[in-house]
Amino acid sequence: MASVISGAKTVAASSAKVGASQGVDSVLVLALIANSGTTYVGGSDVTTANGFPLAASAAVSVACDDLADVWVIGTASDVVR
């Protein structure tokens, strides 16, 4: 069983991993309430056209076995946890 991991990631206009490679059972991505735009969640190929959209204060749970498999893209300076 994987450990609980906490962290934050500043979103950019180009896609980036949520975190470094680490074993997980799933990842919960939360867009902070203060975010000004939409954040998109997906794999390494995520774009604003194909990602799962998260408005401010919204969250999505992603089933995966590696934290580095989850990527985000969106409004620069927005933050996800």
C-alpha atoms as a PDB file:
ATOM      1  CA  MET A   1       0.000   0.000   0.000  1.00  0.00           C
ATOM      2  CA  ALA A   2       1.316   3.439  -0.943  1.00  0.00           C
ATOM      3  CA  SER A   3       1.717   6.251   1.568  1.00  0.00           C
ATOM      4  CA  VAL A   4      -0.361   9.418   1.624  1.00  0.00           C
ATOM      5  CA  ILE A   5       1.496  12.206  -0.185  1.00  0.00           C
ATOM      6  CA  SER A   6       0.705  15.909   0.064  1.00  0.00           C
ATOM      7  CA  GLY A   7       1.993  18.697  -2.113  1.00  0.00           C
ATOM      8  CA  ALA A   8       1.250  21.599  -4.389  1.00  0.00           C
ATOM      9  CA  LYS A   9       2.054  22.290  -8.037  1.00  0.00           C
ATOM     10  CA  THR A  10       2.018  25.665  -9.763  1.00  0.00           C
ATOM     11  CA  VAL A  11       0.324  25.299 -13.127  1.00  0.00           C
ATOM     12  CA  ALA A  12       1.869  26.665 -16.322  1.00  0.00           C
ATOM     13  CA  ALA A  13       0.787  27.255 -19.907  1.00  0.00           C
ATOM     14  CA  SER A  14       2.818  24.170 -20.875  1.00  0.00           C
ATOM     15  CA  SER A  15       2.104  20.721 -19.467  1.00  0.00           C
ATOM     16  CA  ALA A  16       4.033  19.466 -16.438  1.00  0.00           C
ATOM     17  CA  LYS A  17       4.030  16.453 -14.122  1.00  0.00           C
ATOM     18  CA  VAL A  18       2.160  16.865 -10.848  1.00  0.00           C
ATOM     19  CA  GLY A  19       5.149  15.336  -9.052  1.00  0.00           C
ATOM     20  CA  ALA A  20       8.217  13.141  -9.264  1.00  0.00           C
ATOM     21  CA  SER A  21       7.957   9.413  -9.850  1.00  0.00           C
ATOM     22  CA  GLN A  22       6.522   7.771  -6.747  1.00  0.00           C
ATOM     23  CA  GLY A  23       4.290   4.756  -6.223  1.00  0.00           C
ATOM     24  CA  VAL A  24       0.641   5.602  -5.543  1.00  0.00           C
ATOM     25  CA  ASP A  25      -2.782   3.960  -5.747  1.00  0.00           C
ATOM     26  CA  SER A  26      -4.494   7.125  -6.979  1.00  0.00           C
ATOM     27  CA  VAL A  27      -4.009  10.896  -7.109  1.00  0.00           C
ATOM     28  CA  LEU A  28      -6.546  13.504  -6.022  1.00  0.00           C
ATOM     29  CA  VAL A  29      -5.993  16.803  -7.860  1.00  0.00           C
ATOM     30  CA  LEU A  30      -7.701  19.881  -6.357  1.00  0.00           C
ATOM     31  CA  ALA A  31      -7.749  23.271  -8.082  1.00  0.00           C
ATOM     32  CA  LEU A  32      -7.447  25.990  -5.441  1.00  0.00           C
ATOM     33  CA  ILE A  33     -10.432  28.284  -4.951  1.00  0.00           C
ATOM     34  CA  ALA A  34      -8.263  31.341  -5.733  1.00  0.00           C
ATOM     35  CA  ASN A  35      -7.351  30.045  -9.211  1.00  0.00           C
ATOM     36  CA  SER A  36      -8.266  32.429 -12.025  1.00  0.00           C
ATOM     37  CA  GLY A  37      -8.590  29.925 -14.868  1.00  0.00           C
ATOM     38  CA  THR A  38      -9.299  26.316 -15.740  1.00  0.00           C
ATOM     39  CA  THR A  39      -6.693  23.633 -15.075  1.00  0.00           C
ATOM     40  CA  TYR A  40      -6.669  20.522 -17.275  1.00  0.00           C
ATOM     41  CA  VAL A  41      -5.579  17.121 -15.936  1.00  0.00           C
ATOM     42  CA  GLY A  42      -4.402  14.157 -17.985  1.00  0.00           C
ATOM     43  CA  GLY A  43      -1.413  12.126 -19.065  1.00  0.00           C
ATOM     44  CA  SER A  44       1.846  13.325 -20.585  1.00  0.00           C
ATOM     45  CA  ASP A  45      -0.059  14.364 -23.719  1.00  0.00           C
ATOM     46  CA  VAL A  46      -2.543  16.617 -21.855  1.00  0.00           C
ATOM     47  CA  THR A  47      -3.644  19.822 -23.576  1.00  0.00           C
ATOM     48  CA  THR A  48      -6.411  22.326 -22.985  1.00  0.00           C
ATOM     49  CA  ALA A  49      -8.323  20.496 -25.731  1.00  0.00           C
ATOM     50  CA  ASN A  50      -8.110  16.927 -24.347  1.00  0.00           C
ATOM     51  CA  GLY A  51      -7.576  17.254 -20.572  1.00  0.00           C
ATOM     52  CA  PHE A  52     -10.163  16.855 -17.811  1.00  0.00           C
ATOM     53  CA  PRO A  53     -11.173  20.445 -16.920  1.00  0.00           C
ATOM     54  CA  LEU A  54     -11.027  21.639 -13.317  1.00  0.00           C
ATOM     55  CA  ALA A  55     -12.553  24.974 -12.386  1.00  0.00           C
ATOM     56  CA  ALA A  56     -11.448  26.692  -9.182  1.00  0.00           C
ATOM     57  CA  SER A  57     -12.301  24.551  -6.110  1.00  0.00           C
ATOM     58  CA  ALA A  58     -13.045  21.459  -8.217  1.00  0.00           C
ATOM     59  CA  ALA A  59     -11.245  18.129  -7.778  1.00  0.00           C
ATOM     60  CA  VAL A  60     -10.725  14.885  -9.666  1.00  0.00           C
ATOM     61  CA  SER A  61      -9.383  11.524  -8.537  1.00  0.00           C
ATOM     62  CA  VAL A  62      -7.090   9.766 -11.022  1.00  0.00           C
ATOM     63  CA  ALA A  63      -6.469   6.025 -10.696  1.00  0.00           C
ATOM     64  CA  CYS A  64      -2.790   5.380 -11.433  1.00  0.00           C
ATOM     65  CA  ASP A  65       0.255   3.683  -9.950  1.00  0.00           C
ATOM     66  CA  ASP A  66       2.816   6.492 -10.386  1.00  0.00           C
ATOM     67  CA  LEU A  67       2.444  10.152  -9.403  1.00  0.00           C
ATOM     68  CA  ALA A  68       4.539  11.125 -12.444  1.00  0.00           C
ATOM     69  CA  ASP A  69       1.793   9.775 -14.738  1.00  0.00           C
ATOM     70  CA  VAL A  70      -0.483  12.714 -13.861  1.00  0.00           C
ATOM     71  CA  TRP A  71       0.102  15.973 -15.727  1.00  0.00           C
ATOM     72  CA  VAL A  72      -1.552  19.419 -15.640  1.00  0.00           C
ATOM     73  CA  ILE A  73      -1.752  22.440 -17.913  1.00  0.00           C
ATOM     74  CA  GLY A  74      -3.692  25.679 -17.646  1.00  0.00           C
ATOM     75  CA  THR A  75      -3.504  29.247 -16.471  1.00  0.00           C
ATOM     76  CA  ALA A  76       0.005  30.226 -15.396  1.00  0.00           C
ATOM     77  CA  SER A  77       0.373  30.753 -11.629  1.00  0.00           C
ATOM     78  CA  ASP A  78      -2.766  28.790 -10.715  1.00  0.00           C
ATOM     79  CA  VAL A  79      -2.088  26.052  -8.147  1.00  0.00           C
ATOM     80  CA  VAL A  80      -3.287  22.494  -7.681  1.00  0.00           C
ATOM     81  CA  ARG A  81      -2.898  20.291  -4.624  1.00  0.00           C
END
